[in-house]
Amino acid sequence: MRVCFYGTDEEITRICQRPVLAMVGPRRTQPMVAFTLADVSITTDPYGTVYRLAADLTEVRREEVTE
């Protein structure tokens, strides 16, 4: 799945430094899913205040997270 995150330089740096991202789901579905980032690209707006990180998310299986 391809996603985009928007944020400051510091926020985008924090996302890039994490090997696994956790996303919280709605109450009635799986409560948390872990993902890894792949094919990352970062762009900035013309004024340099907001950055856009685009990446493919790959779901991590529970067995891979506990190892």
N, C-alpha and C. Protein backbone atom coordinates (compact mmCIF):
# COMPACT_ATOMS: atom_id res chain seq x y z
N MET A 1 0.86 -1.16 0.00
CA MET A 1 0.00 0.00 0.00
C MET A 1 0.91 1.23 0.00
N ARG A 2 0.60 2.20 -0.85
CA ARG A 2 1.38 3.44 -0.94
C ARG A 2 0.72 4.50 -0.05
N VAL A 3 1.49 5.14 0.80
CA VAL A 3 0.96 6.17 1.71
C VAL A 3 1.85 7.40 1.68
N CYS A 4 1.30 8.52 2.18
CA CYS A 4 2.06 9.76 2.30
C CYS A 4 1.92 10.30 3.72
N PHE A 5 3.01 10.80 4.25
CA PHE A 5 3.02 11.47 5.54
C PHE A 5 3.48 12.90 5.28
N TYR A 6 2.84 13.86 5.92
CA TYR A 6 3.24 15.27 5.81
C TYR A 6 3.69 15.74 7.18
N GLY A 7 4.76 16.51 7.23
CA GLY A 7 5.21 17.01 8.51
C GLY A 7 6.46 17.86 8.39
N THR A 8 6.95 18.28 9.54
CA THR A 8 8.17 19.07 9.60
C THR A 8 9.38 18.17 9.36
N ASP A 9 10.53 18.77 9.22
CA ASP A 9 11.77 18.02 9.03
C ASP A 9 11.97 17.03 10.18
N GLU A 10 11.74 17.48 11.40
CA GLU A 10 11.92 16.63 12.58
C GLU A 10 10.95 15.45 12.57
N GLU A 11 9.69 15.69 12.24
CA GLU A 11 8.69 14.62 12.22
C GLU A 11 9.00 13.57 11.15
N ILE A 12 9.37 14.02 9.96
CA ILE A 12 9.69 13.09 8.88
C ILE A 12 10.95 12.29 9.22
N THR A 13 11.93 12.93 9.84
CA THR A 13 13.15 12.24 10.26
C THR A 13 12.82 11.13 11.26
N ARG A 14 11.94 11.41 12.20
CA ARG A 14 11.53 10.39 13.19
C ARG A 14 10.89 9.18 12.51
N ILE A 15 10.05 9.42 11.52
CA ILE A 15 9.41 8.32 10.81
C ILE A 15 10.47 7.47 10.09
N CYS A 16 11.41 8.12 9.43
CA CYS A 16 12.44 7.41 8.66
C CYS A 16 13.39 6.61 9.54
N GLN A 17 13.57 7.02 10.78
CA GLN A 17 14.51 6.34 11.67
C GLN A 17 13.93 5.07 12.30
N ARG A 18 12.67 4.86 12.17
CA ARG A 18 12.05 3.70 12.80
C ARG A 18 12.01 2.52 11.82
N PRO A 19 12.50 1.35 12.25
CA PRO A 19 12.48 0.20 11.35
C PRO A 19 11.06 -0.37 11.15
N VAL A 20 10.21 -0.19 12.17
CA VAL A 20 8.84 -0.70 12.09
C VAL A 20 7.89 0.38 12.58
N LEU A 21 6.82 0.61 11.82
CA LEU A 21 5.78 1.56 12.22
C LEU A 21 4.56 0.78 12.68
N ALA A 22 3.89 1.26 13.71
CA ALA A 22 2.66 0.63 14.19
C ALA A 22 1.50 1.57 13.90
N MET A 23 0.43 1.02 13.34
CA MET A 23 -0.77 1.81 13.08
C MET A 23 -1.92 1.22 13.87
N VAL A 24 -2.63 2.08 14.54
CA VAL A 24 -3.76 1.67 15.35
C VAL A 24 -5.01 1.65 14.48
N GLY A 25 -5.75 0.55 14.57
CA GLY A 25 -6.96 0.40 13.77
C GLY A 25 -8.21 0.72 14.57
N PRO A 26 -9.36 0.70 13.90
CA PRO A 26 -10.63 0.91 14.60
C PRO A 26 -10.87 -0.17 15.64
N ARG A 27 -11.76 0.11 16.57
CA ARG A 27 -12.01 -0.80 17.69
C ARG A 27 -12.40 -2.22 17.27
N ARG A 28 -13.19 -2.34 16.24
CA ARG A 28 -13.74 -3.65 15.88
C ARG A 28 -12.83 -4.47 14.98
N THR A 29 -11.74 -3.89 14.53
CA THR A 29 -10.80 -4.64 13.69
C THR A 29 -9.54 -4.94 14.49
N GLN A 30 -8.53 -5.36 13.80
CA GLN A 30 -7.27 -5.65 14.46
C GLN A 30 -6.77 -4.38 15.15
N PRO A 31 -6.47 -4.40 16.45
CA PRO A 31 -6.13 -3.19 17.18
C PRO A 31 -4.84 -2.50 16.73
N MET A 32 -3.84 -3.27 16.29
CA MET A 32 -2.60 -2.66 15.87
C MET A 32 -1.95 -3.51 14.78
N VAL A 33 -1.41 -2.85 13.78
CA VAL A 33 -0.72 -3.54 12.69
C VAL A 33 0.65 -2.91 12.53
N ALA A 34 1.67 -3.73 12.35
CA ALA A 34 3.04 -3.24 12.17
C ALA A 34 3.40 -3.24 10.69
N PHE A 35 4.13 -2.20 10.26
CA PHE A 35 4.54 -2.05 8.87
C PHE A 35 6.01 -1.66 8.79
N THR A 36 6.63 -1.99 7.66
CA THR A 36 7.95 -1.48 7.33
C THR A 36 7.81 -0.57 6.12
N LEU A 37 8.70 0.42 6.01
CA LEU A 37 8.70 1.35 4.88
C LEU A 37 9.61 0.83 3.77
N ALA A 38 9.18 1.01 2.53
CA ALA A 38 10.01 0.65 1.37
C ALA A 38 9.80 1.68 0.28
N ASP A 39 10.76 1.82 -0.61
CA ASP A 39 10.67 2.73 -1.75
C ASP A 39 10.28 4.15 -1.28
N VAL A 40 11.07 4.69 -0.36
CA VAL A 40 10.78 5.98 0.27
C VAL A 40 11.27 7.14 -0.62
N SER A 41 10.42 8.16 -0.75
CA SER A 41 10.84 9.41 -1.41
C SER A 41 10.34 10.58 -0.57
N ILE A 42 11.20 11.61 -0.44
CA ILE A 42 10.86 12.78 0.36
C ILE A 42 10.94 14.02 -0.52
N THR A 43 9.89 14.83 -0.48
CA THR A 43 9.86 16.09 -1.22
C THR A 43 9.47 17.20 -0.26
N THR A 44 9.68 18.44 -0.68
CA THR A 44 9.34 19.59 0.15
C THR A 44 8.46 20.55 -0.64
N ASP A 45 7.71 21.37 0.06
CA ASP A 45 6.92 22.39 -0.62
C ASP A 45 7.85 23.52 -1.08
N PRO A 46 7.40 24.39 -1.96
CA PRO A 46 8.28 25.44 -2.49
C PRO A 46 8.87 26.36 -1.41
N TYR A 47 8.21 26.49 -0.28
CA TYR A 47 8.69 27.38 0.78
C TYR A 47 9.52 26.66 1.84
N GLY A 48 9.62 25.34 1.74
CA GLY A 48 10.47 24.57 2.65
C GLY A 48 9.97 24.41 4.05
N THR A 49 8.67 24.55 4.29
CA THR A 49 8.16 24.44 5.65
C THR A 49 7.54 23.07 5.94
N VAL A 50 7.05 22.39 4.91
CA VAL A 50 6.41 21.09 5.10
C VAL A 50 7.06 20.08 4.15
N TYR A 51 7.30 18.89 4.69
CA TYR A 51 7.88 17.82 3.89
C TYR A 51 6.84 16.74 3.65
N ARG A 52 7.00 16.02 2.52
CA ARG A 52 6.09 14.93 2.18
C ARG A 52 6.92 13.68 1.99
N LEU A 53 6.61 12.66 2.78
CA LEU A 53 7.27 11.38 2.66
C LEU A 53 6.28 10.42 2.00
N ALA A 54 6.64 9.86 0.88
CA ALA A 54 5.82 8.85 0.21
C ALA A 54 6.55 7.52 0.30
N ALA A 55 5.83 6.46 0.65
CA ALA A 55 6.47 5.16 0.82
C ALA A 55 5.46 4.04 0.63
N ASP A 56 5.99 2.87 0.33
CA ASP A 56 5.17 1.66 0.31
C ASP A 56 5.23 1.05 1.70
N LEU A 57 4.09 0.65 2.22
CA LEU A 57 4.05 -0.03 3.52
C LEU A 57 3.87 -1.52 3.28
N THR A 58 4.67 -2.30 3.97
CA THR A 58 4.55 -3.75 3.91
C THR A 58 4.24 -4.24 5.31
N GLU A 59 3.16 -5.00 5.44
CA GLU A 59 2.76 -5.48 6.76
C GLU A 59 3.77 -6.49 7.28
N VAL A 60 4.10 -6.37 8.56
CA VAL A 60 5.02 -7.29 9.22
C VAL A 60 4.20 -8.32 9.96
N ARG A 61 4.53 -9.58 9.76
CA ARG A 61 3.81 -10.64 10.47
C ARG A 61 4.22 -10.67 11.92
N ARG A 62 3.33 -11.13 12.76
CA ARG A 62 3.58 -11.16 14.20
C ARG A 62 4.85 -11.93 14.53
N GLU A 63 5.14 -13.03 13.82
CA GLU A 63 6.33 -13.82 14.10
C GLU A 63 7.61 -13.00 13.85
N GLU A 64 7.58 -12.13 12.83
CA GLU A 64 8.76 -11.32 12.48
C GLU A 64 9.02 -10.25 13.54
N VAL A 65 7.98 -9.72 14.16
CA VAL A 65 8.12 -8.66 15.16
C VAL A 65 8.71 -9.20 16.46
N THR A 66 8.36 -10.42 16.85
CA THR A 66 8.81 -10.97 18.13
C THR A 66 10.21 -11.53 18.06
N GLU A 67 10.77 -11.72 16.87
CA GLU A 67 12.11 -12.29 16.76
C GLU A 67 13.18 -11.32 17.17
